């Protein structure tokens, strides 16, 4: 769905539906794929550092997604996965060191002795999760239209199906 939307549909929206459609892309972590959290954290870091590079980084993540699937990271230390995600951010023009700086989990307890200290985008992820819970999003992809989950749209929608659906519903 990401590729179809980003290459075929999003570029046409301003001309085809002027002032009628606003696209909001919200990340949805799938907790049954633990490494997806790390990927979403990396995307949040990119969004914070270089918002104009978010779509490029999202495309890079989709292009390299198998490198971050469960089997691909199971024997890797978490900060090593973060380093690879930061390197991927570097490939789209975002500072690799800056991204890793937001992602790295410290090896020492927090100032209060806490051991679950998270990283510098943990609060961003908490907001993502809260927003998705409030809107009833549980799986990906989920499309909302006028704030309501639209179950007729599936991940396999073609560009033609998107165009037909939008023509019918974006009045």
N, C-alpha and C. Protein backbone atom coordinates (compact mmCIF):
# COMPACT_ATOMS: atom_id res chain seq x y z
N UNK A 1 0.82 -1.19 0.00
CA UNK A 1 0.00 0.00 0.00
C UNK A 1 0.87 1.26 0.00
N UNK A 2 1.95 1.26 0.77
CA UNK A 2 2.81 2.44 0.83
C UNK A 2 3.33 2.81 -0.56
N UNK A 3 3.81 1.83 -1.29
CA UNK A 3 4.37 2.11 -2.62
C UNK A 3 3.30 2.63 -3.56
N UNK A 4 2.15 1.99 -3.56
CA UNK A 4 1.06 2.44 -4.43
C UNK A 4 0.66 3.86 -4.10
N UNK A 5 0.46 4.13 -2.83
CA UNK A 5 0.06 5.48 -2.43
C UNK A 5 1.14 6.51 -2.73
N UNK A 6 2.37 6.21 -2.37
CA UNK A 6 3.41 7.23 -2.50
C UNK A 6 3.82 7.50 -3.93
N UNK A 7 3.70 6.50 -4.80
CA UNK A 7 4.13 6.72 -6.18
C UNK A 7 2.99 7.05 -7.14
N UNK A 8 1.80 6.51 -6.89
CA UNK A 8 0.71 6.67 -7.85
C UNK A 8 -0.42 7.58 -7.40
N UNK A 9 -0.69 7.63 -6.11
CA UNK A 9 -1.88 8.35 -5.64
C UNK A 9 -1.55 9.71 -5.03
N UNK A 10 -0.65 9.74 -4.06
CA UNK A 10 -0.36 11.01 -3.38
C UNK A 10 0.05 12.14 -4.33
N UNK A 11 0.87 11.86 -5.34
CA UNK A 11 1.25 12.96 -6.24
C UNK A 11 0.07 13.56 -7.02
N UNK A 12 -1.02 12.81 -7.17
CA UNK A 12 -2.15 13.29 -7.96
C UNK A 12 -3.22 14.00 -7.13
N UNK A 13 -3.18 13.87 -5.83
CA UNK A 13 -4.26 14.39 -4.99
C UNK A 13 -4.45 15.90 -5.12
N UNK A 14 -3.39 16.71 -5.07
CA UNK A 14 -3.64 18.17 -5.17
C UNK A 14 -4.36 18.58 -6.45
N UNK A 15 -4.08 17.91 -7.56
CA UNK A 15 -4.72 18.27 -8.82
C UNK A 15 -6.12 17.65 -8.95
N UNK A 16 -6.26 16.40 -8.56
CA UNK A 16 -7.54 15.69 -8.73
C UNK A 16 -8.58 16.07 -7.69
N UNK A 17 -8.14 16.37 -6.48
CA UNK A 17 -9.07 16.65 -5.38
C UNK A 17 -8.64 17.90 -4.62
N UNK A 18 -8.54 19.03 -5.30
CA UNK A 18 -8.01 20.24 -4.64
C UNK A 18 -8.86 20.64 -3.42
N UNK A 19 -8.17 20.73 -2.28
CA UNK A 19 -8.82 21.16 -1.05
C UNK A 19 -9.78 20.15 -0.44
N UNK A 20 -9.84 18.94 -0.97
CA UNK A 20 -10.82 17.97 -0.49
C UNK A 20 -10.20 16.85 0.35
N UNK A 21 -8.94 16.54 0.14
CA UNK A 21 -8.34 15.40 0.83
C UNK A 21 -7.05 15.83 1.49
N UNK A 22 -6.92 15.44 2.73
CA UNK A 22 -5.68 15.62 3.47
C UNK A 22 -5.23 14.22 3.89
N UNK A 23 -3.99 13.89 3.60
CA UNK A 23 -3.44 12.58 3.95
C UNK A 23 -2.63 12.73 5.24
N UNK A 24 -2.94 11.90 6.21
CA UNK A 24 -2.17 11.84 7.45
C UNK A 24 -1.64 10.43 7.57
N UNK A 25 -0.34 10.30 7.60
CA UNK A 25 0.31 8.99 7.72
C UNK A 25 0.69 8.81 9.18
N UNK A 26 0.10 7.80 9.81
CA UNK A 26 0.43 7.52 11.20
C UNK A 26 1.10 6.15 11.28
N UNK A 27 2.17 6.11 12.00
CA UNK A 27 2.87 4.85 12.18
C UNK A 27 2.08 3.96 13.15
N UNK A 28 2.06 2.67 12.87
CA UNK A 28 1.37 1.71 13.74
C UNK A 28 2.32 0.58 14.07
N UNK A 29 2.77 0.55 15.30
CA UNK A 29 3.68 -0.51 15.74
C UNK A 29 2.91 -1.80 15.89
N UNK A 30 3.48 -2.88 15.39
CA UNK A 30 2.88 -4.20 15.55
C UNK A 30 3.67 -4.95 16.62
N UNK A 31 3.14 -5.02 17.84
CA UNK A 31 3.90 -5.59 18.94
C UNK A 31 4.24 -7.07 18.77
N UNK A 32 3.55 -7.76 17.89
CA UNK A 32 3.88 -9.16 17.65
C UNK A 32 5.11 -9.30 16.76
N UNK A 33 5.61 -8.19 16.23
CA UNK A 33 6.89 -8.13 15.52
C UNK A 33 7.78 -7.17 16.31
N UNK A 34 8.48 -7.67 17.32
CA UNK A 34 9.22 -6.76 18.22
C UNK A 34 10.16 -5.80 17.50
N UNK A 35 10.77 -6.24 16.42
CA UNK A 35 11.70 -5.34 15.75
C UNK A 35 10.99 -4.19 15.04
N UNK A 36 9.67 -4.31 14.84
CA UNK A 36 8.96 -3.19 14.22
C UNK A 36 9.02 -1.96 15.11
N UNK A 37 9.08 -2.16 16.42
CA UNK A 37 9.20 -1.01 17.32
C UNK A 37 10.47 -0.24 17.02
N UNK A 38 11.57 -0.95 16.80
CA UNK A 38 12.84 -0.29 16.52
C UNK A 38 12.76 0.50 15.21
N UNK A 39 12.12 -0.07 14.21
CA UNK A 39 11.96 0.63 12.93
C UNK A 39 11.11 1.89 13.09
N UNK A 40 10.05 1.79 13.87
CA UNK A 40 9.20 2.96 14.10
C UNK A 40 9.92 4.02 14.92
N UNK A 41 10.74 3.58 15.87
CA UNK A 41 11.54 4.54 16.62
C UNK A 41 12.49 5.28 15.68
N UNK A 42 13.11 4.56 14.77
CA UNK A 42 14.04 5.19 13.82
C UNK A 42 13.30 6.19 12.94
N UNK A 43 12.10 5.82 12.49
CA UNK A 43 11.31 6.75 11.68
C UNK A 43 10.93 7.99 12.49
N UNK A 44 10.62 7.80 13.78
CA UNK A 44 10.31 8.94 14.64
C UNK A 44 11.53 9.84 14.80
N UNK A 45 12.71 9.25 14.88
CA UNK A 45 13.94 10.04 14.98
C UNK A 45 14.14 10.87 13.71
N UNK A 46 13.93 10.26 12.56
CA UNK A 46 14.05 10.98 11.29
C UNK A 46 13.02 12.09 11.22
N UNK A 47 11.81 11.80 11.62
CA UNK A 47 10.75 12.81 11.60
C UNK A 47 11.12 14.00 12.48
N UNK A 48 11.72 13.73 13.60
CA UNK A 48 12.12 14.81 14.50
C UNK A 48 13.28 15.62 13.92
N UNK A 49 14.26 14.95 13.33
CA UNK A 49 15.47 15.63 12.85
C UNK A 49 15.31 16.27 11.47
N UNK A 50 14.60 15.60 10.59
CA UNK A 50 14.49 16.07 9.20
C UNK A 50 13.12 15.67 8.64
N UNK A 51 12.06 16.37 9.03
CA UNK A 51 10.72 15.99 8.59
C UNK A 51 10.58 15.84 7.08
N UNK A 52 11.34 16.64 6.34
CA UNK A 52 11.27 16.57 4.87
C UNK A 52 11.86 15.27 4.31
N UNK A 53 12.56 14.52 5.14
CA UNK A 53 13.15 13.25 4.70
C UNK A 53 12.34 12.04 5.16
N UNK A 54 11.24 12.27 5.87
CA UNK A 54 10.45 11.16 6.43
C UNK A 54 9.96 10.20 5.35
N UNK A 55 9.40 10.73 4.25
CA UNK A 55 8.88 9.84 3.20
C UNK A 55 10.01 9.06 2.54
N UNK A 56 11.15 9.73 2.31
CA UNK A 56 12.30 9.03 1.73
C UNK A 56 12.76 7.91 2.66
N UNK A 57 12.81 8.20 3.94
CA UNK A 57 13.24 7.18 4.90
C UNK A 57 12.21 6.05 4.98
N UNK A 58 10.94 6.40 4.96
CA UNK A 58 9.90 5.36 4.98
C UNK A 58 10.04 4.44 3.78
N UNK A 59 10.30 5.02 2.61
CA UNK A 59 10.52 4.20 1.41
C UNK A 59 11.73 3.30 1.59
N UNK A 60 12.81 3.85 2.13
CA UNK A 60 14.01 3.04 2.37
C UNK A 60 13.72 1.89 3.33
N UNK A 61 12.93 2.18 4.38
CA UNK A 61 12.55 1.11 5.31
C UNK A 61 11.76 0.01 4.61
N UNK A 62 10.81 0.40 3.78
CA UNK A 62 10.04 -0.61 3.06
C UNK A 62 10.93 -1.39 2.10
N UNK A 63 11.84 -0.70 1.44
CA UNK A 63 12.75 -1.37 0.50
C UNK A 63 13.68 -2.35 1.21
N UNK A 64 14.01 -2.07 2.47
CA UNK A 64 14.97 -2.89 3.23
C UNK A 64 14.30 -3.64 4.38
N UNK A 65 12.99 -3.75 4.35
CA UNK A 65 12.27 -4.29 5.50
C UNK A 65 12.71 -5.69 5.92
N UNK A 66 13.04 -6.55 4.98
CA UNK A 66 13.43 -7.91 5.35
C UNK A 66 14.69 -7.95 6.20
N UNK A 67 15.52 -6.93 6.08
CA UNK A 67 16.73 -6.84 6.89
C UNK A 67 16.41 -6.59 8.37
N UNK A 68 15.16 -6.22 8.65
CA UNK A 68 14.76 -5.90 10.02
C UNK A 68 13.63 -6.79 10.51
N UNK A 69 13.30 -7.85 9.77
CA UNK A 69 12.31 -8.81 10.23
C UNK A 69 12.88 -9.59 11.42
N UNK A 70 12.01 -10.23 12.17
CA UNK A 70 12.39 -10.92 13.40
C UNK A 70 13.60 -11.83 13.23
N UNK A 71 13.57 -12.68 12.21
CA UNK A 71 14.65 -13.65 12.00
C UNK A 71 15.97 -12.94 11.68
N UNK A 72 15.88 -11.79 11.07
CA UNK A 72 17.08 -11.06 10.68
C UNK A 72 17.76 -10.35 11.84
N UNK A 73 17.03 -10.11 12.93
CA UNK A 73 17.61 -9.36 14.05
C UNK A 73 17.68 -10.16 15.35
N UNK A 74 17.20 -11.38 15.34
CA UNK A 74 17.06 -12.14 16.59
C UNK A 74 18.37 -12.28 17.36
N UNK A 75 19.48 -12.35 16.68
CA UNK A 75 20.77 -12.52 17.36
C UNK A 75 21.59 -11.23 17.41
N UNK A 76 20.92 -10.12 17.19
CA UNK A 76 21.61 -8.83 17.15
C UNK A 76 21.27 -8.03 18.42
N UNK A 77 22.27 -7.41 18.99
CA UNK A 77 22.05 -6.52 20.13
C UNK A 77 21.24 -5.31 19.64
N UNK A 78 20.31 -4.86 20.46
CA UNK A 78 19.38 -3.79 20.08
C UNK A 78 20.09 -2.56 19.53
N UNK A 79 21.13 -2.09 20.20
CA UNK A 79 21.82 -0.89 19.71
C UNK A 79 22.50 -1.14 18.36
N UNK A 80 22.85 -2.38 18.05
CA UNK A 80 23.40 -2.69 16.73
C UNK A 80 22.32 -2.54 15.65
N UNK A 81 21.12 -2.97 15.97
CA UNK A 81 20.01 -2.76 15.03
C UNK A 81 19.78 -1.27 14.83
N UNK A 82 19.81 -0.51 15.92
CA UNK A 82 19.67 0.94 15.81
C UNK A 82 20.77 1.54 14.93
N UNK A 83 21.98 1.03 15.04
CA UNK A 83 23.07 1.55 14.20
C UNK A 83 22.77 1.30 12.72
N UNK A 84 22.24 0.12 12.41
CA UNK A 84 21.90 -0.17 11.01
C UNK A 84 20.75 0.71 10.53
N UNK A 85 19.77 0.95 11.40
CA UNK A 85 18.67 1.84 11.04
C UNK A 85 19.16 3.27 10.85
N UNK A 86 20.10 3.70 11.67
CA UNK A 86 20.68 5.04 11.53
C UNK A 86 21.48 5.15 10.23
N UNK A 87 22.19 4.08 9.88
CA UNK A 87 22.94 4.08 8.62
C UNK A 87 21.98 4.21 7.43
N UNK A 88 20.85 3.53 7.52
CA UNK A 88 19.83 3.65 6.47
C UNK A 88 19.32 5.09 6.38
N UNK A 89 19.16 5.73 7.53
CA UNK A 89 18.76 7.14 7.53
C UNK A 89 19.83 7.99 6.84
N UNK A 90 21.09 7.65 7.09
CA UNK A 90 22.18 8.36 6.42
C UNK A 90 22.11 8.24 4.92
N UNK A 91 21.59 7.11 4.44
CA UNK A 91 21.50 6.90 2.98
C UNK A 91 20.48 7.80 2.31
N UNK A 92 19.58 8.42 3.10
CA UNK A 92 18.61 9.35 2.52
C UNK A 92 18.90 10.79 2.93
N UNK A 93 20.10 11.01 3.49
CA UNK A 93 20.52 12.37 3.77
C UNK A 93 20.24 12.88 5.17
N UNK A 94 19.99 11.99 6.12
CA UNK A 94 19.79 12.39 7.51
C UNK A 94 21.04 11.98 8.28
N UNK A 95 21.48 12.81 9.20
CA UNK A 95 22.70 12.54 9.94
C UNK A 95 22.64 11.23 10.70
N UNK A 96 23.47 10.28 10.28
CA UNK A 96 23.50 8.95 10.90
C UNK A 96 23.78 9.04 12.39
N UNK A 97 24.76 9.83 12.76
CA UNK A 97 25.11 9.98 14.17
C UNK A 97 24.00 10.62 14.99
N UNK A 98 23.32 11.59 14.39
CA UNK A 98 22.21 12.25 15.09
C UNK A 98 21.07 11.27 15.32
N UNK A 99 20.76 10.45 14.30
CA UNK A 99 19.68 9.47 14.44
C UNK A 99 20.04 8.47 15.52
N UNK A 100 21.27 7.95 15.46
CA UNK A 100 21.68 6.98 16.48
C UNK A 100 21.66 7.62 17.87
N UNK A 101 22.00 8.88 17.95
CA UNK A 101 21.98 9.58 19.23
C UNK A 101 20.59 9.62 19.85
N UNK A 102 19.56 9.65 19.03
CA UNK A 102 18.19 9.62 19.54
C UNK A 102 17.72 8.20 19.87
N UNK A 103 18.34 7.21 19.23
CA UNK A 103 17.89 5.83 19.38
C UNK A 103 18.63 5.03 20.45
N UNK A 104 19.87 5.35 20.67
CA UNK A 104 20.72 4.52 21.55
C UNK A 104 20.12 4.36 22.95
N UNK A 105 20.14 3.12 23.39
CA UNK A 105 19.73 2.80 24.76
C UNK A 105 20.99 2.83 25.62
N UNK A 106 21.00 3.63 26.68
CA UNK A 106 22.19 3.69 27.52
C UNK A 106 22.43 2.35 28.24
N UNK A 107 23.67 2.10 28.56
CA UNK A 107 24.03 0.86 29.24
C UNK A 107 24.07 1.03 30.75
N UNK A 108 23.69 2.20 31.23
CA UNK A 108 23.68 2.46 32.67
C UNK A 108 22.29 2.91 33.11
N UNK A 109 21.99 2.68 34.36
CA UNK A 109 20.71 3.08 34.92
C UNK A 109 20.54 4.60 34.82
N UNK A 110 19.28 5.02 34.81
CA UNK A 110 18.98 6.45 34.80
C UNK A 110 19.40 7.11 36.09
N UNK A 111 19.34 8.43 36.12
CA UNK A 111 19.77 9.19 37.31
C UNK A 111 18.99 8.81 38.56
N UNK A 112 17.77 8.29 38.37
CA UNK A 112 16.95 7.87 39.51
C UNK A 112 17.08 6.38 39.80
N UNK A 113 18.01 5.71 39.09
CA UNK A 113 18.21 4.27 39.28
C UNK A 113 17.35 3.41 38.38
N UNK A 114 16.50 4.05 37.56
CA UNK A 114 15.60 3.31 36.67
C UNK A 114 16.36 2.51 35.62
N UNK A 115 15.85 1.34 35.34
CA UNK A 115 16.50 0.47 34.36
C UNK A 115 15.77 0.44 33.02
N UNK A 116 14.52 0.82 32.99
CA UNK A 116 13.77 0.93 31.73
C UNK A 116 13.79 2.38 31.29
N UNK A 117 14.95 2.85 30.87
CA UNK A 117 15.12 4.27 30.58
C UNK A 117 14.69 4.67 29.17
N UNK A 118 14.50 3.68 28.28
CA UNK A 118 14.11 4.00 26.93
C UNK A 118 15.17 4.79 26.20
N UNK A 119 14.75 5.47 25.14
CA UNK A 119 15.67 6.32 24.39
C UNK A 119 15.03 7.69 24.20
N UNK A 120 15.60 8.50 23.35
CA UNK A 120 15.13 9.88 23.21
C UNK A 120 13.90 10.03 22.32
N UNK A 121 13.39 8.92 21.78
CA UNK A 121 12.13 8.98 21.04
C UNK A 121 11.05 8.14 21.71
N UNK A 122 11.32 7.65 22.90
CA UNK A 122 10.32 6.84 23.61
C UNK A 122 9.02 7.60 23.79
N UNK A 123 9.08 8.86 24.15
CA UNK A 123 7.85 9.63 24.34
C UNK A 123 7.10 9.82 23.03
N UNK A 124 7.82 9.94 21.92
CA UNK A 124 7.18 10.04 20.60
C UNK A 124 6.38 8.76 20.31
N UNK A 125 6.98 7.62 20.62
CA UNK A 125 6.32 6.34 20.39
C UNK A 125 5.08 6.21 21.27
N UNK A 126 5.17 6.66 22.50
CA UNK A 126 4.00 6.62 23.38
C UNK A 126 2.84 7.41 22.79
N UNK A 127 3.12 8.56 22.23
CA UNK A 127 2.07 9.36 21.60
C UNK A 127 1.48 8.61 20.41
N UNK A 128 2.33 8.01 19.57
CA UNK A 128 1.83 7.23 18.42
C UNK A 128 0.85 6.16 18.88
N UNK A 129 1.25 5.41 19.89
CA UNK A 129 0.42 4.32 20.38
C UNK A 129 -0.90 4.86 20.93
N UNK A 130 -0.85 5.93 21.70
CA UNK A 130 -2.07 6.50 22.28
C UNK A 130 -3.03 6.98 21.20
N UNK A 131 -2.51 7.69 20.21
CA UNK A 131 -3.37 8.20 19.13
C UNK A 131 -4.03 7.04 18.38
N UNK A 132 -3.26 6.02 18.07
CA UNK A 132 -3.84 4.89 17.34
C UNK A 132 -4.88 4.16 18.18
N UNK A 133 -4.66 4.02 19.45
CA UNK A 133 -5.66 3.39 20.32
C UNK A 133 -6.94 4.20 20.33
N UNK A 134 -6.80 5.52 20.42
CA UNK A 134 -7.99 6.39 20.48
C UNK A 134 -8.81 6.35 19.20
N UNK A 135 -8.16 6.09 18.06
CA UNK A 135 -8.89 6.05 16.79
C UNK A 135 -9.27 4.63 16.39
N UNK A 136 -8.99 3.65 17.22
CA UNK A 136 -9.39 2.28 16.94
C UNK A 136 -8.49 1.54 15.97
N UNK A 137 -7.28 2.03 15.78
CA UNK A 137 -6.34 1.36 14.88
C UNK A 137 -5.59 0.29 15.66
N UNK A 138 -5.66 -0.95 15.14
CA UNK A 138 -5.00 -2.07 15.81
C UNK A 138 -4.05 -2.82 14.88
N UNK A 139 -4.29 -2.74 13.60
CA UNK A 139 -3.46 -3.46 12.64
C UNK A 139 -3.03 -2.51 11.53
N UNK A 140 -2.09 -2.96 10.74
CA UNK A 140 -1.62 -2.16 9.63
C UNK A 140 -1.74 -2.96 8.34
N UNK A 141 -2.13 -2.33 7.29
CA UNK A 141 -2.55 -0.93 7.23
C UNK A 141 -4.01 -0.78 7.66
N UNK A 142 -4.32 0.36 8.20
CA UNK A 142 -5.70 0.75 8.51
C UNK A 142 -5.90 2.12 7.89
N UNK A 143 -6.97 2.27 7.14
CA UNK A 143 -7.29 3.55 6.51
C UNK A 143 -8.51 4.13 7.21
N UNK A 144 -8.42 5.40 7.56
CA UNK A 144 -9.56 6.12 8.11
C UNK A 144 -9.97 7.16 7.08
N UNK A 145 -11.27 7.32 6.91
CA UNK A 145 -11.79 8.36 6.02
C UNK A 145 -12.77 9.18 6.83
N UNK A 146 -12.53 10.47 6.90
CA UNK A 146 -13.31 11.37 7.76
C UNK A 146 -13.33 10.86 9.20
N UNK A 147 -12.20 10.31 9.65
CA UNK A 147 -12.05 9.87 11.03
C UNK A 147 -12.64 8.51 11.36
N UNK A 148 -13.17 7.82 10.35
CA UNK A 148 -13.81 6.51 10.58
C UNK A 148 -13.01 5.44 9.84
N UNK A 149 -12.78 4.30 10.53
CA UNK A 149 -12.06 3.20 9.89
C UNK A 149 -12.83 2.75 8.66
N UNK A 150 -12.13 2.65 7.55
CA UNK A 150 -12.72 2.24 6.26
C UNK A 150 -12.22 0.83 5.93
N UNK A 151 -13.01 -0.16 6.29
CA UNK A 151 -12.59 -1.55 6.13
C UNK A 151 -12.62 -2.06 4.69
N UNK A 152 -13.21 -1.31 3.78
CA UNK A 152 -13.26 -1.79 2.39
C UNK A 152 -11.93 -1.62 1.67
N UNK A 153 -11.04 -0.85 2.24
CA UNK A 153 -9.73 -0.63 1.61
C UNK A 153 -8.75 -1.63 2.17
N UNK A 154 -8.10 -2.37 1.28
CA UNK A 154 -7.15 -3.40 1.73
C UNK A 154 -5.74 -3.04 1.31
N UNK A 155 -4.80 -3.76 1.87
CA UNK A 155 -3.39 -3.52 1.55
C UNK A 155 -3.07 -3.83 0.10
N UNK A 156 -3.91 -4.60 -0.56
CA UNK A 156 -3.65 -4.97 -1.95
C UNK A 156 -4.33 -4.03 -2.95
N UNK A 157 -4.92 -2.94 -2.48
CA UNK A 157 -5.57 -1.99 -3.38
C UNK A 157 -4.59 -1.54 -4.46
N UNK A 158 -5.01 -1.59 -5.70
CA UNK A 158 -4.20 -1.09 -6.81
C UNK A 158 -4.43 0.42 -6.96
N UNK A 159 -3.61 1.04 -7.75
CA UNK A 159 -3.78 2.47 -8.02
C UNK A 159 -5.16 2.73 -8.60
N UNK A 160 -5.61 1.87 -9.51
CA UNK A 160 -6.93 2.05 -10.11
C UNK A 160 -8.04 1.94 -9.06
N UNK A 161 -7.92 0.98 -8.15
CA UNK A 161 -8.92 0.85 -7.10
C UNK A 161 -8.93 2.07 -6.19
N UNK A 162 -7.76 2.60 -5.87
CA UNK A 162 -7.69 3.82 -5.07
C UNK A 162 -8.39 4.98 -5.80
N UNK A 163 -8.07 5.14 -7.08
CA UNK A 163 -8.67 6.23 -7.85
C UNK A 163 -10.19 6.11 -7.89
N UNK A 164 -10.70 4.89 -8.12
CA UNK A 164 -12.15 4.67 -8.15
C UNK A 164 -12.76 4.98 -6.79
N UNK A 165 -12.13 4.52 -5.72
CA UNK A 165 -12.67 4.74 -4.38
C UNK A 165 -12.66 6.23 -4.06
N UNK A 166 -11.55 6.91 -4.35
CA UNK A 166 -11.48 8.34 -4.07
C UNK A 166 -12.48 9.13 -4.90
N UNK A 167 -12.62 8.79 -6.19
CA UNK A 167 -13.59 9.49 -7.04
C UNK A 167 -15.00 9.37 -6.49
N UNK A 168 -15.30 8.21 -5.95
CA UNK A 168 -16.64 7.95 -5.40
C UNK A 168 -16.86 8.66 -4.07
N UNK A 169 -15.83 8.71 -3.24
CA UNK A 169 -16.01 9.17 -1.87
C UNK A 169 -15.52 10.58 -1.56
N UNK A 170 -14.65 11.12 -2.36
CA UNK A 170 -14.12 12.46 -2.10
C UNK A 170 -14.92 13.49 -2.85
N UNK A 171 -16.10 13.74 -2.38
CA UNK A 171 -17.02 14.65 -3.09
C UNK A 171 -16.89 16.07 -2.58
